[in-house]
Amino acid sequence: MNSRLFLIILSISQIFKSRLEVFDHCSEPKIDGIMWSYKTIPNTTIYIFSNFHFFQFDYKKEKLNNEKRIKDVWPDVEVPIDGVSALKSILENLTYFEEEIIFQKGRRYWIYPSRLKYRNKETVKRFGNISLSLEETKSAIRVLSMDIDKYHPRSPYRGILLRRSENSFRCLTQEIQKESNFQLRIGVDNSDPINRFFKYGNCESLHSALPHSILSAEIYRFSLDQAYLMVAYENILELKYTFHSNLVELQTKKKWNIKKECNVYSAHFLYLDLHCNEEI
């Protein structure tokens, strides 16, 4: 096979792959993950990940735009993803801290730098496997959201919201490195003296606070005692809020139903049907 023929075949295969991704994205509307970053301007903007693509959604303006392919920005991530989150916290001096984001697919994870905008291909900082210490079977998991220690923001200990077996948990995690290999251990204890931010150890159920049908969630703390929680179901976004440091007494602020349409001339577009608009 000469080089010219090889390039032609390669180009055709790439076009065919791209069209398959567009078809899947249109024919199976769903939300795989959402990310709410402290760096995004305005702070009412979240990232929605669906199949092979991601979008920006400003829930205040109810505007959805800036569609891109996930692989064009984070090439190492396996798609469709199972979970994504910005690793962020409000520190003791009430400043926002965020340096990294995490993607999860099955028992694999990838850490990338956090940016104001995602325009070019990013280089993965580290990646590894996920272990769940309290499990008896290899049940599927979804990383909903992660929180870092406000006293030690670069500590290997982090809090996590996790969905497993139709239930949501809040767990303590620890990222460890052995030579060049990384592992994210979910469900460790909090006996290490460096870890004093997360009061809980192992995992505790949030079944009464979060519905079993949740697919993704992302926390955004405006202060130490006021937090918003954007929750995603298969094609529903719901904004909740609480005035407690823990995720208790969550109340619904807004809810959106995301619908999808396709046609032969444009790849696809999304429009939002606002279900309710309840102000605090």
Protein backbone atom coordinates (compact mmCIF):
# COMPACT_ATOMS: atom_id res chain seq x y z
CA MET A 1 0.00 0.00 0.00
CA ASN A 2 1.50 3.32 -1.05
CA SER A 3 1.49 6.35 1.25
CA ARG A 4 -1.10 8.27 -0.79
CA LEU A 5 -3.65 5.44 -0.62
CA PHE A 6 -2.99 5.05 3.11
CA LEU A 7 -3.69 8.76 3.70
CA ILE A 8 -6.93 8.55 1.71
CA ILE A 9 -8.12 5.54 3.75
CA LEU A 10 -7.13 7.28 6.98
CA SER A 11 -9.04 10.44 6.02
CA ILE A 12 -12.16 8.42 5.14
CA SER A 13 -12.00 6.51 8.43
CA GLN A 14 -11.69 9.75 10.41
CA ILE A 15 -14.70 11.26 8.60
CA PHE A 16 -16.71 8.08 9.21
CA LYS A 17 -15.74 8.06 12.91
CA SER A 18 -16.70 11.72 13.27
CA ARG A 19 -20.12 11.09 11.69
CA LEU A 20 -20.70 8.13 13.98
CA GLU A 21 -20.01 10.34 16.99
CA VAL A 22 -22.47 12.98 15.77
CA PHE A 23 -25.11 10.31 15.13
CA ASP A 24 -24.69 8.75 18.57
CA HIS A 25 -24.73 12.17 20.19
CA CYS A 26 -28.00 13.06 18.51
CA SER A 27 -29.81 9.75 18.76
CA GLU A 28 -29.12 9.12 22.47
CA PRO A 29 -29.74 12.37 24.37
CA LYS A 30 -28.31 12.14 27.87
CA ILE A 31 -26.08 13.94 30.36
CA ASP A 32 -22.94 11.99 31.24
CA GLY A 33 -21.42 14.59 33.54
CA ILE A 34 -21.42 18.23 34.59
CA MET A 35 -18.57 20.43 35.81
CA TRP A 36 -18.98 23.71 37.71
CA SER A 37 -15.64 25.51 37.87
CA TYR A 38 -14.62 28.44 40.05
CA LYS A 39 -12.67 29.76 37.05
CA THR A 40 -15.60 29.97 34.65
CA ILE A 41 -16.88 33.48 33.92
CA PRO A 42 -19.66 34.13 34.68
CA ASN A 43 -19.95 31.80 37.67
CA THR A 44 -23.44 30.80 36.54
CA THR A 45 -21.88 28.77 33.72
CA ILE A 46 -21.44 25.01 33.90
CA TYR A 47 -19.98 22.46 31.47
CA ILE A 48 -22.32 19.71 30.26
CA PHE A 49 -20.80 16.50 28.87
CA SER A 50 -22.95 14.39 26.55
CA ASN A 51 -21.60 11.39 24.67
CA PHE A 52 -18.59 12.66 22.67
CA HIS A 53 -19.17 16.39 23.14
CA PHE A 54 -19.34 19.07 25.80
CA PHE A 55 -21.11 22.43 26.02
CA GLN A 56 -21.26 25.53 28.17
CA PHE A 57 -24.59 26.34 29.79
CA ASP A 58 -25.30 29.66 31.51
CA TYR A 59 -28.25 28.78 33.72
CA LYS A 60 -28.99 32.43 34.54
CA LYS A 61 -29.30 33.44 30.88
CA GLU A 62 -30.56 29.95 29.96
CA LYS A 63 -28.10 29.88 27.08
CA LEU A 64 -26.30 26.82 25.77
CA ASN A 65 -23.32 27.24 23.42
CA ASN A 66 -19.65 26.52 22.59
CA GLU A 67 -19.98 22.88 21.60
CA LYS A 68 -16.69 20.97 21.28
CA ARG A 69 -15.53 17.37 21.04
CA ILE A 70 -14.14 16.05 24.32
CA LYS A 71 -11.22 14.37 22.56
CA ASP A 72 -10.22 17.68 20.95
CA VAL A 73 -9.44 19.11 24.39
CA TRP A 74 -8.72 16.08 26.62
CA PRO A 75 -7.38 13.46 24.19
CA ASP A 76 -6.52 10.76 26.76
CA VAL A 77 -10.00 10.53 28.28
CA GLU A 78 -12.20 7.57 27.34
CA VAL A 79 -15.61 8.69 26.09
CA PRO A 80 -18.46 8.73 26.86
CA ILE A 81 -17.33 9.62 30.37
CA ASP A 82 -18.88 8.34 33.61
CA GLY A 83 -17.96 11.35 35.74
CA VAL A 84 -16.17 14.71 35.84
CA SER A 85 -15.49 17.32 38.51
CA ALA A 86 -13.41 20.38 39.25
CA LEU A 87 -11.18 19.85 42.31
CA LYS A 88 -11.95 23.00 44.26
CA SER A 89 -12.51 24.49 47.70
CA ILE A 90 -12.91 27.75 49.59
CA LEU A 91 -9.79 28.16 51.72
CA GLU A 92 -9.50 29.48 55.28
CA ASN A 93 -8.92 33.03 54.02
CA LEU A 94 -12.15 32.75 51.95
CA THR A 95 -10.32 32.65 48.60
CA TYR A 96 -11.28 30.21 45.86
CA PHE A 97 -8.79 27.43 45.06
CA GLU A 98 -8.87 25.26 41.96
CA GLU A 99 -5.91 23.83 40.02
CA GLU A 100 -7.14 20.53 38.57
CA ILE A 101 -10.13 18.71 37.11
CA ILE A 102 -10.81 14.96 37.11
CA PHE A 103 -12.47 12.66 34.55
CA GLN A 104 -13.66 9.15 35.38
CA LYS A 105 -14.57 6.18 33.19
CA GLY A 106 -15.18 2.87 34.93
CA ARG A 107 -12.26 2.24 37.25
CA ARG A 108 -9.93 4.68 35.45
CA TYR A 109 -9.36 8.40 36.09
CA TRP A 110 -7.44 11.26 34.46
CA ILE A 111 -6.28 14.54 36.06
CA TYR A 112 -5.90 17.65 33.89
CA PRO A 113 -5.07 21.28 34.73
CA SER A 114 -7.99 23.61 35.33
CA ARG A 115 -8.27 26.52 32.87
CA LEU A 116 -10.23 29.71 32.41
CA LYS A 117 -11.08 28.47 28.91
CA TYR A 118 -10.50 25.19 27.10
CA ARG A 119 -9.44 25.89 23.53
CA ASN A 120 -6.56 23.56 22.69
CA LYS A 121 -5.50 20.02 23.49
CA GLU A 122 -4.54 19.63 27.14
CA THR A 123 -1.73 17.44 28.47
CA VAL A 124 -2.77 14.95 31.13
CA LYS A 125 -0.99 15.54 34.47
CA ARG A 126 -1.51 12.01 35.81
CA PHE A 127 -3.85 9.06 35.46
CA GLY A 128 -4.49 5.81 37.24
CA ASN A 129 -6.94 3.28 38.63
CA ILE A 130 -9.76 3.63 41.16
CA SER A 131 -10.26 1.24 44.07
CA LEU A 132 -13.30 1.14 46.36
CA SER A 133 -12.38 -0.35 49.73
CA LEU A 134 -15.87 -1.09 51.03
CA GLU A 135 -17.25 -2.95 48.05
CA GLU A 136 -17.98 -6.65 47.84
CA THR A 137 -18.58 -6.79 44.10
CA LYS A 138 -17.28 -4.87 41.12
CA SER A 139 -20.39 -2.74 40.78
CA ALA A 140 -20.41 0.31 38.53
CA ILE A 141 -19.53 3.67 40.06
CA ARG A 142 -19.93 7.30 38.98
CA VAL A 143 -17.88 10.17 40.36
CA LEU A 144 -20.44 12.92 41.00
CA SER A 145 -18.30 15.65 42.56
CA MET A 146 -15.05 16.10 44.50
CA ASP A 147 -14.01 18.55 47.21
CA ILE A 148 -10.50 19.32 48.47
CA ASP A 149 -9.18 20.13 51.95
CA LYS A 150 -9.44 23.86 52.67
CA TYR A 151 -6.57 23.61 55.17
CA HIS A 152 -4.29 21.58 52.88
CA PRO A 153 -5.56 22.11 49.30
CA ARG A 154 -2.78 19.98 47.79
CA SER A 155 -3.30 17.14 50.26
CA PRO A 156 -3.83 13.65 48.74
CA TYR A 157 -7.07 13.45 50.77
CA ARG A 158 -10.27 14.61 49.08
CA GLY A 159 -13.98 14.32 49.67
CA ILE A 160 -16.11 12.72 46.98
CA LEU A 161 -19.76 12.36 46.08
CA LEU A 162 -20.18 8.91 44.57
CA ARG A 163 -23.05 6.98 43.01
CA ARG A 164 -22.99 3.20 43.38
CA SER A 165 -25.75 0.58 43.22
CA GLU A 166 -28.57 3.14 42.88
CA ASN A 167 -27.39 5.02 45.95
CA SER A 168 -25.26 8.12 46.60
CA PHE A 169 -22.40 8.22 49.10
CA ARG A 170 -20.05 10.79 50.54
CA CYS A 171 -16.62 9.23 50.97
CA LEU A 172 -13.07 10.14 51.88
CA THR A 173 -10.50 9.43 49.16
CA GLN A 174 -6.72 9.30 49.07
CA GLU A 175 -4.57 9.47 45.94
CA ILE A 176 -1.38 7.45 46.26
CA GLN A 177 1.62 6.97 43.99
CA LYS A 178 3.80 3.89 43.70
CA GLU A 179 6.70 4.59 41.37
CA SER A 180 5.02 5.93 38.20
CA ASN A 181 1.58 4.45 38.95
CA PHE A 182 -1.29 6.37 40.58
CA GLN A 183 -4.31 5.03 42.43
CA LEU A 184 -7.38 6.77 43.81
CA ARG A 185 -8.56 4.90 46.91
CA ILE A 186 -12.19 5.55 47.83
CA GLY A 187 -13.36 4.77 51.34
CA VAL A 188 -10.28 5.37 53.52
CA ASP A 189 -10.38 6.39 57.20
CA ASN A 190 -9.65 9.90 58.50
CA SER A 191 -7.09 9.01 61.16
CA ASP A 192 -4.21 10.79 59.42
CA PRO A 193 -3.46 13.97 61.44
CA ILE A 194 -2.90 15.98 58.24
CA ASN A 195 -6.53 15.38 57.39
CA ARG A 196 -8.78 17.41 59.68
CA PHE A 197 -11.16 19.00 57.18
CA PHE A 198 -13.20 15.91 56.32
CA LYS A 199 -14.97 14.85 59.52
CA TYR A 200 -16.26 11.61 58.05
CA GLY A 201 -14.27 8.49 57.21
CA ASN A 202 -14.88 5.67 54.77
CA CYS A 203 -18.32 6.25 53.21
CA GLU A 204 -21.70 7.43 54.44
CA SER A 205 -24.96 7.15 52.55
CA LEU A 206 -26.77 10.22 51.21
CA HIS A 207 -29.81 8.23 50.13
CA SER A 208 -32.25 10.51 51.93
CA ALA A 209 -30.65 13.71 50.55
CA LEU A 210 -30.12 12.78 46.88
CA PRO A 211 -32.48 10.76 44.64
CA HIS A 212 -31.40 7.35 43.38
CA SER A 213 -31.79 8.37 39.71
CA ILE A 214 -29.01 10.98 39.86
CA LEU A 215 -26.30 10.63 37.18
CA SER A 216 -24.06 13.59 37.97
CA ALA A 217 -23.76 16.44 40.46
CA GLU A 218 -21.41 19.33 41.10
CA ILE A 219 -21.06 21.47 44.24
CA TYR A 220 -20.41 25.20 44.11
CA ARG A 221 -19.80 26.87 47.47
CA PHE A 222 -20.41 30.61 47.53
CA SER A 223 -19.35 30.70 51.18
CA LEU A 224 -18.52 28.26 53.96
CA ASP A 225 -22.20 27.95 54.85
CA GLN A 226 -23.93 28.46 51.49
CA ALA A 227 -23.67 25.88 48.75
CA TYR A 228 -25.36 25.26 45.42
CA LEU A 229 -25.66 21.78 43.96
CA MET A 230 -26.32 21.27 40.26
CA VAL A 231 -27.81 17.81 39.79
CA ALA A 232 -28.14 15.97 36.48
CA TYR A 233 -30.45 13.12 35.63
CA GLU A 234 -30.62 11.51 32.18
CA ASN A 235 -31.77 14.72 30.47
CA ILE A 236 -32.79 16.93 33.39
CA LEU A 237 -30.76 19.62 35.18
CA GLU A 238 -31.83 20.68 38.66
CA LEU A 239 -30.29 23.48 40.73
CA LYS A 240 -30.48 22.96 44.50
CA TYR A 241 -29.19 25.06 47.40
CA THR A 242 -28.58 24.81 51.13
CA PHE A 243 -27.43 27.14 53.91
CA HIS A 244 -25.66 24.32 55.76
CA SER A 245 -22.02 23.32 55.44
CA ASN A 246 -23.11 19.72 54.86
CA LEU A 247 -25.49 18.62 52.12
CA VAL A 248 -28.64 18.67 54.23
CA GLU A 249 -31.99 20.40 53.75
CA LEU A 250 -31.45 20.80 50.03
CA GLN A 251 -34.11 22.85 48.29
CA THR A 252 -34.81 23.16 44.56
CA LYS A 253 -34.23 26.57 42.95
CA LYS A 254 -34.65 25.77 39.23
CA LYS A 255 -35.12 22.81 36.93
CA TRP A 256 -34.50 22.43 33.19
CA ASN A 257 -35.47 19.73 30.73
CA ILE A 258 -32.82 19.36 28.03
CA LYS A 259 -34.20 18.13 24.71
CA LYS A 260 -32.35 17.32 21.53
CA GLU A 261 -33.16 17.70 17.85
CA CYS A 262 -31.15 16.76 14.74
CA ASN A 263 -31.40 17.43 11.02
CA VAL A 264 -29.46 16.52 7.90
CA TYR A 265 -27.90 19.96 7.43
CA SER A 266 -26.53 20.68 10.89
CA ALA A 267 -24.99 18.18 13.25
CA HIS A 268 -27.34 18.89 16.14
CA PHE A 269 -28.60 21.57 18.46
CA LEU A 270 -30.06 21.68 21.94
CA TYR A 271 -32.80 23.81 23.34
CA LEU A 272 -33.97 24.27 26.90
CA ASP A 273 -37.49 23.99 28.19
CA LEU A 274 -37.69 25.87 31.49
CA HIS A 275 -39.92 23.95 33.90
CA CYS A 276 -39.85 26.22 36.90
CA ASN A 277 -38.26 29.43 38.01
CA GLU A 278 -38.33 29.68 41.78
CA GLU A 279 -36.22 32.40 43.32
CA ILE A 280 -34.74 32.11 46.79
